[in-house]
N, C-alpha and C. Protein backbone atom coordinates (compact mmCIF):
# COMPACT_ATOMS: atom_id res chain seq x y z
N MET A 1 28.09 -58.66 10.41
CA MET A 1 29.05 -59.19 9.45
C MET A 1 28.94 -58.49 8.10
N SER A 2 27.73 -58.07 7.75
CA SER A 2 27.59 -57.40 6.45
C SER A 2 28.33 -56.06 6.45
N LEU A 3 28.43 -55.42 7.60
CA LEU A 3 29.14 -54.14 7.69
C LEU A 3 30.62 -54.31 7.38
N ILE A 4 31.24 -55.32 7.95
CA ILE A 4 32.68 -55.50 7.73
C ILE A 4 32.98 -56.39 6.53
N GLY A 5 31.97 -57.00 5.97
CA GLY A 5 32.18 -57.85 4.81
C GLY A 5 32.49 -57.07 3.54
N ARG A 6 32.03 -55.84 3.49
CA ARG A 6 32.23 -55.01 2.30
C ARG A 6 33.60 -54.35 2.27
N ARG A 7 34.08 -53.91 3.45
CA ARG A 7 35.40 -53.29 3.53
C ARG A 7 35.85 -53.28 4.97
N GLU A 8 37.12 -53.01 5.17
CA GLU A 8 37.69 -52.95 6.51
C GLU A 8 37.04 -51.83 7.31
N ARG A 9 36.88 -52.05 8.59
CA ARG A 9 36.34 -51.05 9.52
C ARG A 9 37.20 -51.05 10.77
N THR A 10 37.13 -49.95 11.51
CA THR A 10 37.81 -49.88 12.80
C THR A 10 36.83 -50.33 13.89
N GLU A 11 37.39 -50.62 15.06
CA GLU A 11 36.53 -50.98 16.18
C GLU A 11 35.53 -49.87 16.47
N ARG A 12 36.00 -48.63 16.46
CA ARG A 12 35.10 -47.52 16.76
C ARG A 12 33.99 -47.40 15.72
N GLN A 13 34.32 -47.61 14.44
CA GLN A 13 33.30 -47.53 13.41
C GLN A 13 32.22 -48.60 13.62
N VAL A 14 32.65 -49.80 13.99
CA VAL A 14 31.68 -50.88 14.23
C VAL A 14 30.85 -50.56 15.47
N ARG A 15 31.51 -50.09 16.54
CA ARG A 15 30.78 -49.72 17.76
C ARG A 15 29.74 -48.63 17.46
N ASP A 16 30.17 -47.59 16.75
CA ASP A 16 29.26 -46.50 16.42
C ASP A 16 28.07 -46.97 15.58
N HIS A 17 28.35 -47.84 14.63
CA HIS A 17 27.30 -48.35 13.75
C HIS A 17 26.29 -49.17 14.57
N LEU A 18 26.79 -50.07 15.40
CA LEU A 18 25.89 -50.91 16.20
C LEU A 18 25.10 -50.07 17.21
N ALA A 19 25.77 -49.09 17.80
CA ALA A 19 25.07 -48.22 18.76
C ALA A 19 23.96 -47.44 18.07
N SER A 20 24.22 -46.98 16.84
CA SER A 20 23.20 -46.23 16.11
C SER A 20 22.01 -47.10 15.72
N ARG A 21 22.22 -48.41 15.71
CA ARG A 21 21.14 -49.36 15.39
C ARG A 21 20.38 -49.81 16.65
N GLY A 22 20.76 -49.25 17.80
CA GLY A 22 20.02 -49.52 19.03
C GLY A 22 20.49 -50.70 19.84
N PHE A 23 21.65 -51.27 19.54
CA PHE A 23 22.17 -52.38 20.33
C PHE A 23 22.60 -51.87 21.69
N ASP A 24 22.32 -52.66 22.73
CA ASP A 24 22.75 -52.25 24.07
C ASP A 24 24.26 -52.49 24.21
N GLU A 25 24.82 -51.90 25.25
CA GLU A 25 26.28 -51.92 25.45
C GLU A 25 26.83 -53.34 25.56
N ALA A 26 26.13 -54.21 26.27
CA ALA A 26 26.62 -55.59 26.45
C ALA A 26 26.65 -56.33 25.11
N ALA A 27 25.59 -56.21 24.31
CA ALA A 27 25.56 -56.88 23.01
C ALA A 27 26.62 -56.30 22.08
N LEU A 28 26.80 -55.00 22.16
CA LEU A 28 27.80 -54.33 21.34
C LEU A 28 29.20 -54.84 21.68
N GLU A 29 29.52 -54.91 22.97
CA GLU A 29 30.83 -55.39 23.41
C GLU A 29 31.05 -56.84 23.02
N ASP A 30 30.02 -57.67 23.16
CA ASP A 30 30.13 -59.08 22.78
C ASP A 30 30.40 -59.21 21.28
N ALA A 31 29.69 -58.44 20.48
CA ALA A 31 29.87 -58.51 19.03
C ALA A 31 31.27 -58.08 18.62
N VAL A 32 31.74 -56.97 19.19
CA VAL A 32 33.08 -56.47 18.85
C VAL A 32 34.14 -57.47 19.31
N ALA A 33 33.99 -58.01 20.52
CA ALA A 33 34.96 -58.99 21.03
C ALA A 33 35.00 -60.23 20.13
N ARG A 34 33.86 -60.67 19.68
CA ARG A 34 33.80 -61.86 18.81
C ARG A 34 34.45 -61.57 17.45
N LEU A 35 34.19 -60.41 16.90
CA LEU A 35 34.80 -60.05 15.61
C LEU A 35 36.32 -59.95 15.72
N ILE A 36 36.80 -59.42 16.83
CA ILE A 36 38.25 -59.36 17.05
C ILE A 36 38.81 -60.76 17.19
N GLU A 37 38.12 -61.60 17.95
CA GLU A 37 38.56 -62.98 18.20
C GLU A 37 38.71 -63.78 16.90
N ILE A 38 37.77 -63.62 15.99
CA ILE A 38 37.84 -64.40 14.74
C ILE A 38 38.70 -63.72 13.68
N GLY A 39 39.24 -62.53 14.01
CA GLY A 39 40.14 -61.84 13.09
C GLY A 39 39.45 -61.00 12.03
N ALA A 40 38.15 -60.81 12.19
CA ALA A 40 37.41 -60.02 11.21
C ALA A 40 37.54 -58.53 11.46
N LEU A 41 37.97 -58.17 12.66
CA LEU A 41 38.10 -56.76 13.04
C LEU A 41 39.48 -56.57 13.64
N ASP A 42 40.29 -55.75 12.98
CA ASP A 42 41.68 -55.57 13.41
C ASP A 42 42.12 -54.16 13.05
N ASP A 43 42.23 -53.29 14.06
CA ASP A 43 42.60 -51.91 13.82
C ASP A 43 44.00 -51.78 13.21
N ALA A 44 44.92 -52.66 13.58
CA ALA A 44 46.27 -52.60 13.02
C ALA A 44 46.24 -52.90 11.52
N ARG A 45 45.47 -53.90 11.14
CA ARG A 45 45.35 -54.23 9.71
C ARG A 45 44.67 -53.08 8.97
N TYR A 46 43.61 -52.53 9.57
CA TYR A 46 42.91 -51.41 8.96
C TYR A 46 43.87 -50.24 8.73
N ALA A 47 44.64 -49.89 9.75
CA ALA A 47 45.57 -48.75 9.65
C ALA A 47 46.63 -49.00 8.59
N ARG A 48 47.18 -50.20 8.55
CA ARG A 48 48.22 -50.53 7.57
C ARG A 48 47.67 -50.45 6.14
N LEU A 49 46.51 -51.05 5.91
CA LEU A 49 45.92 -51.03 4.57
C LEU A 49 45.48 -49.63 4.16
N PHE A 50 44.91 -48.89 5.11
CA PHE A 50 44.49 -47.52 4.84
C PHE A 50 45.70 -46.67 4.45
N ALA A 51 46.77 -46.77 5.24
CA ALA A 51 47.98 -45.99 4.96
C ALA A 51 48.57 -46.35 3.60
N GLU A 52 48.65 -47.63 3.30
CA GLU A 52 49.18 -48.06 2.00
C GLU A 52 48.32 -47.52 0.85
N ASP A 53 47.02 -47.67 0.96
CA ASP A 53 46.12 -47.20 -0.10
C ASP A 53 46.23 -45.69 -0.30
N LYS A 54 46.20 -44.94 0.77
CA LYS A 54 46.24 -43.49 0.65
C LYS A 54 47.59 -43.01 0.13
N ARG A 55 48.67 -43.68 0.52
CA ARG A 55 49.99 -43.32 -0.02
C ARG A 55 50.06 -43.59 -1.52
N GLU A 56 49.67 -44.79 -1.90
CA GLU A 56 49.84 -45.22 -3.29
C GLU A 56 48.77 -44.67 -4.23
N LEU A 57 47.53 -44.67 -3.81
CA LEU A 57 46.45 -44.29 -4.71
C LEU A 57 46.12 -42.80 -4.69
N GLU A 58 46.26 -42.18 -3.53
CA GLU A 58 45.86 -40.78 -3.39
C GLU A 58 47.05 -39.84 -3.26
N GLY A 59 48.25 -40.38 -3.01
CA GLY A 59 49.43 -39.55 -2.84
C GLY A 59 49.46 -38.80 -1.52
N TRP A 60 48.80 -39.33 -0.50
CA TRP A 60 48.76 -38.66 0.79
C TRP A 60 50.09 -38.79 1.51
N GLY A 61 50.42 -37.78 2.29
CA GLY A 61 51.57 -37.81 3.17
C GLY A 61 51.18 -38.30 4.54
N PRO A 62 52.19 -38.51 5.38
CA PRO A 62 51.93 -39.10 6.70
C PRO A 62 51.06 -38.25 7.61
N GLU A 63 51.17 -36.95 7.55
CA GLU A 63 50.37 -36.11 8.45
C GLU A 63 48.88 -36.25 8.16
N ARG A 64 48.52 -36.30 6.91
CA ARG A 64 47.11 -36.45 6.54
C ARG A 64 46.60 -37.85 6.88
N ILE A 65 47.44 -38.85 6.67
CA ILE A 65 47.06 -40.22 7.00
C ILE A 65 46.82 -40.35 8.50
N VAL A 66 47.74 -39.81 9.30
CA VAL A 66 47.61 -39.88 10.76
C VAL A 66 46.34 -39.18 11.22
N ALA A 67 46.09 -37.98 10.72
CA ALA A 67 44.90 -37.23 11.14
C ALA A 67 43.62 -37.99 10.80
N THR A 68 43.58 -38.60 9.65
CA THR A 68 42.37 -39.33 9.25
C THR A 68 42.18 -40.59 10.09
N LEU A 69 43.28 -41.30 10.36
CA LEU A 69 43.18 -42.50 11.20
C LEU A 69 42.73 -42.15 12.62
N VAL A 70 43.21 -41.02 13.13
CA VAL A 70 42.75 -40.56 14.45
C VAL A 70 41.24 -40.32 14.40
N ASP A 71 40.77 -39.67 13.34
CA ASP A 71 39.34 -39.43 13.17
C ASP A 71 38.54 -40.73 13.10
N HIS A 72 39.17 -41.79 12.57
CA HIS A 72 38.49 -43.08 12.45
C HIS A 72 38.54 -43.88 13.75
N GLY A 73 39.22 -43.34 14.77
CA GLY A 73 39.23 -43.98 16.08
C GLY A 73 40.33 -44.98 16.31
N VAL A 74 41.37 -44.95 15.50
CA VAL A 74 42.48 -45.88 15.67
C VAL A 74 43.43 -45.31 16.74
N ALA A 75 43.91 -46.18 17.61
CA ALA A 75 44.83 -45.77 18.69
C ALA A 75 46.13 -45.23 18.10
N ARG A 76 46.68 -44.23 18.75
CA ARG A 76 47.90 -43.58 18.24
C ARG A 76 49.07 -44.56 18.12
N SER A 77 49.20 -45.50 19.03
CA SER A 77 50.30 -46.47 18.95
C SER A 77 50.16 -47.34 17.70
N VAL A 78 48.95 -47.69 17.35
CA VAL A 78 48.69 -48.49 16.14
C VAL A 78 48.98 -47.64 14.90
N ILE A 79 48.59 -46.38 14.94
CA ILE A 79 48.84 -45.48 13.81
C ILE A 79 50.32 -45.31 13.58
N ASP A 80 51.07 -45.08 14.65
CA ASP A 80 52.51 -44.86 14.51
C ASP A 80 53.19 -46.04 13.84
N ARG A 81 52.78 -47.25 14.18
CA ARG A 81 53.37 -48.44 13.55
C ARG A 81 53.03 -48.51 12.07
N SER A 82 51.83 -48.12 11.69
CA SER A 82 51.42 -48.22 10.28
C SER A 82 52.06 -47.13 9.43
N VAL A 83 52.28 -45.95 9.99
CA VAL A 83 52.82 -44.84 9.22
C VAL A 83 54.34 -44.91 9.14
N GLU A 84 54.99 -45.47 10.15
CA GLU A 84 56.45 -45.51 10.14
C GLU A 84 57.01 -46.51 9.15
N LEU A 85 56.16 -47.23 8.44
CA LEU A 85 56.63 -48.18 7.44
C LEU A 85 57.31 -47.50 6.26
N GLU A 86 57.08 -46.23 6.07
CA GLU A 86 57.67 -45.48 4.97
C GLU A 86 58.69 -44.50 5.53
N ASP A 87 59.95 -44.63 5.12
CA ASP A 87 60.97 -43.73 5.65
C ASP A 87 60.96 -42.39 4.90
N ARG A 88 61.74 -41.45 5.41
CA ARG A 88 61.74 -40.09 4.86
C ARG A 88 62.15 -40.07 3.39
N GLU A 89 63.13 -40.86 3.00
CA GLU A 89 63.58 -40.87 1.61
C GLU A 89 62.47 -41.35 0.68
N ASP A 90 61.71 -42.34 1.10
CA ASP A 90 60.57 -42.81 0.29
C ASP A 90 59.51 -41.72 0.18
N GLN A 91 59.25 -41.03 1.29
CA GLN A 91 58.28 -39.93 1.27
C GLN A 91 58.74 -38.83 0.32
N LEU A 92 60.05 -38.53 0.37
CA LEU A 92 60.60 -37.48 -0.48
C LEU A 92 60.48 -37.85 -1.95
N GLU A 93 60.80 -39.07 -2.28
CA GLU A 93 60.68 -39.54 -3.67
C GLU A 93 59.23 -39.46 -4.15
N ARG A 94 58.31 -39.89 -3.30
CA ARG A 94 56.90 -39.86 -3.67
C ARG A 94 56.41 -38.43 -3.85
N ALA A 95 56.79 -37.54 -2.94
CA ALA A 95 56.36 -36.14 -3.05
C ALA A 95 56.94 -35.49 -4.30
N ALA A 96 58.22 -35.74 -4.58
CA ALA A 96 58.84 -35.18 -5.78
C ALA A 96 58.17 -35.75 -7.03
N GLY A 97 57.80 -37.02 -6.99
CA GLY A 97 57.09 -37.63 -8.11
C GLY A 97 55.73 -37.00 -8.36
N LEU A 98 55.05 -36.63 -7.28
CA LEU A 98 53.76 -35.96 -7.43
C LEU A 98 53.92 -34.61 -8.13
N LEU A 99 55.08 -33.98 -7.93
CA LEU A 99 55.32 -32.67 -8.54
C LEU A 99 55.82 -32.76 -9.98
N ALA A 100 56.31 -33.91 -10.37
CA ALA A 100 56.92 -34.06 -11.70
C ALA A 100 55.96 -33.69 -12.82
N SER A 101 54.71 -34.03 -12.66
CA SER A 101 53.74 -33.75 -13.73
C SER A 101 53.14 -32.34 -13.63
N ARG A 102 53.44 -31.63 -12.56
CA ARG A 102 52.85 -30.31 -12.36
C ARG A 102 53.60 -29.21 -13.07
N GLY A 103 54.90 -29.37 -13.24
CA GLY A 103 55.68 -28.33 -13.92
C GLY A 103 55.67 -27.01 -13.18
N ASP A 104 56.13 -25.95 -13.84
CA ASP A 104 56.11 -24.59 -13.31
C ASP A 104 56.76 -24.46 -11.94
N LEU A 105 57.88 -25.15 -11.73
CA LEU A 105 58.61 -25.00 -10.48
C LEU A 105 59.74 -23.99 -10.61
N ASP A 106 59.79 -23.30 -11.74
CA ASP A 106 60.84 -22.32 -11.99
C ASP A 106 60.49 -20.94 -11.46
N THR A 107 59.23 -20.72 -11.12
CA THR A 107 58.80 -19.41 -10.63
C THR A 107 58.43 -19.50 -9.15
N ASP A 108 58.48 -18.35 -8.48
CA ASP A 108 58.08 -18.31 -7.08
C ASP A 108 56.62 -18.75 -6.91
N ALA A 109 55.77 -18.28 -7.81
CA ALA A 109 54.35 -18.63 -7.74
C ALA A 109 54.16 -20.14 -7.92
N GLY A 110 54.89 -20.72 -8.84
CA GLY A 110 54.81 -22.16 -9.08
C GLY A 110 55.29 -22.96 -7.89
N ARG A 111 56.36 -22.50 -7.26
CA ARG A 111 56.86 -23.18 -6.07
C ARG A 111 55.88 -23.04 -4.90
N ARG A 112 55.24 -21.88 -4.77
CA ARG A 112 54.24 -21.70 -3.71
C ARG A 112 53.05 -22.64 -3.93
N ARG A 113 52.61 -22.76 -5.18
CA ARG A 113 51.51 -23.67 -5.48
C ARG A 113 51.91 -25.12 -5.17
N ALA A 114 53.13 -25.47 -5.51
CA ALA A 114 53.62 -26.83 -5.24
C ALA A 114 53.69 -27.07 -3.73
N LEU A 115 54.16 -26.09 -2.98
CA LEU A 115 54.24 -26.21 -1.53
C LEU A 115 52.84 -26.41 -0.94
N SER A 116 51.89 -25.62 -1.40
CA SER A 116 50.52 -25.73 -0.93
C SER A 116 49.93 -27.10 -1.29
N PHE A 117 50.19 -27.55 -2.50
CA PHE A 117 49.71 -28.85 -2.96
C PHE A 117 50.22 -29.97 -2.06
N LEU A 118 51.52 -29.98 -1.79
CA LEU A 118 52.10 -31.04 -0.96
C LEU A 118 51.62 -30.93 0.49
N ALA A 119 51.48 -29.73 0.99
CA ALA A 119 51.01 -29.55 2.37
C ALA A 119 49.58 -30.07 2.51
N ARG A 120 48.73 -29.81 1.51
CA ARG A 120 47.35 -30.33 1.55
C ARG A 120 47.34 -31.85 1.50
N ARG A 121 48.32 -32.42 0.86
CA ARG A 121 48.43 -33.88 0.79
C ARG A 121 48.89 -34.48 2.11
N GLY A 122 49.45 -33.66 3.00
CA GLY A 122 49.84 -34.14 4.31
C GLY A 122 51.32 -34.37 4.51
N PHE A 123 52.15 -33.70 3.72
CA PHE A 123 53.59 -33.81 3.90
C PHE A 123 54.06 -32.68 4.80
N GLU A 124 55.05 -32.94 5.65
CA GLU A 124 55.58 -31.91 6.53
C GLU A 124 56.31 -30.84 5.71
N ALA A 125 56.38 -29.64 6.24
CA ALA A 125 56.89 -28.48 5.50
C ALA A 125 58.31 -28.69 4.98
N GLU A 126 59.21 -29.17 5.82
CA GLU A 126 60.60 -29.34 5.40
C GLU A 126 60.71 -30.34 4.25
N LEU A 127 59.93 -31.40 4.33
CA LEU A 127 59.95 -32.38 3.25
C LEU A 127 59.39 -31.77 1.97
N CYS A 128 58.39 -30.90 2.09
CA CYS A 128 57.82 -30.22 0.92
C CYS A 128 58.89 -29.41 0.21
N TYR A 129 59.66 -28.63 0.98
CA TYR A 129 60.72 -27.81 0.39
C TYR A 129 61.76 -28.69 -0.30
N ASP A 130 62.14 -29.79 0.36
CA ASP A 130 63.12 -30.70 -0.24
C ASP A 130 62.59 -31.34 -1.52
N ALA A 131 61.32 -31.70 -1.53
CA ALA A 131 60.72 -32.31 -2.71
C ALA A 131 60.66 -31.32 -3.87
N ILE A 132 60.37 -30.07 -3.57
CA ILE A 132 60.33 -29.04 -4.62
C ILE A 132 61.72 -28.86 -5.22
N ARG A 133 62.73 -28.81 -4.35
CA ARG A 133 64.10 -28.69 -4.87
C ARG A 133 64.48 -29.90 -5.71
N ARG A 134 64.10 -31.08 -5.27
CA ARG A 134 64.44 -32.30 -6.01
C ARG A 134 63.70 -32.34 -7.35
N ALA A 135 62.44 -31.95 -7.36
CA ALA A 135 61.64 -32.00 -8.59
C ALA A 135 62.09 -30.94 -9.59
N ALA A 136 62.58 -29.80 -9.06
CA ALA A 136 63.01 -28.73 -9.97
C ALA A 136 64.33 -29.11 -10.58
């Protein structure tokens, strides 16, 4: 309980943590099942909150969010539901907003830097180009 009491965790993170502490498979499965039953462990909630936080606080795009959630062990069907909450127009507005403070979109070099910046954040290439045009 102390592991999940501090912040949200995925089922895989809890399983990995308990396994690293030497718990046998049966005890591990019982603990995870009980945490799911009482609502303390929920991959869908984790994915939704993670996606919201990374979008709003870090400016991440959907590709980076998806890749990180996959690394955290969240099922692809759960990830797709959490990421599809933001439509393309919202993504475009957010990406263009990230570029607003960067300036220098009038030069080829500035646009290349902006493209690289948005791509590292996890936005798809076509959306990056559209955001650069909108921000310029």
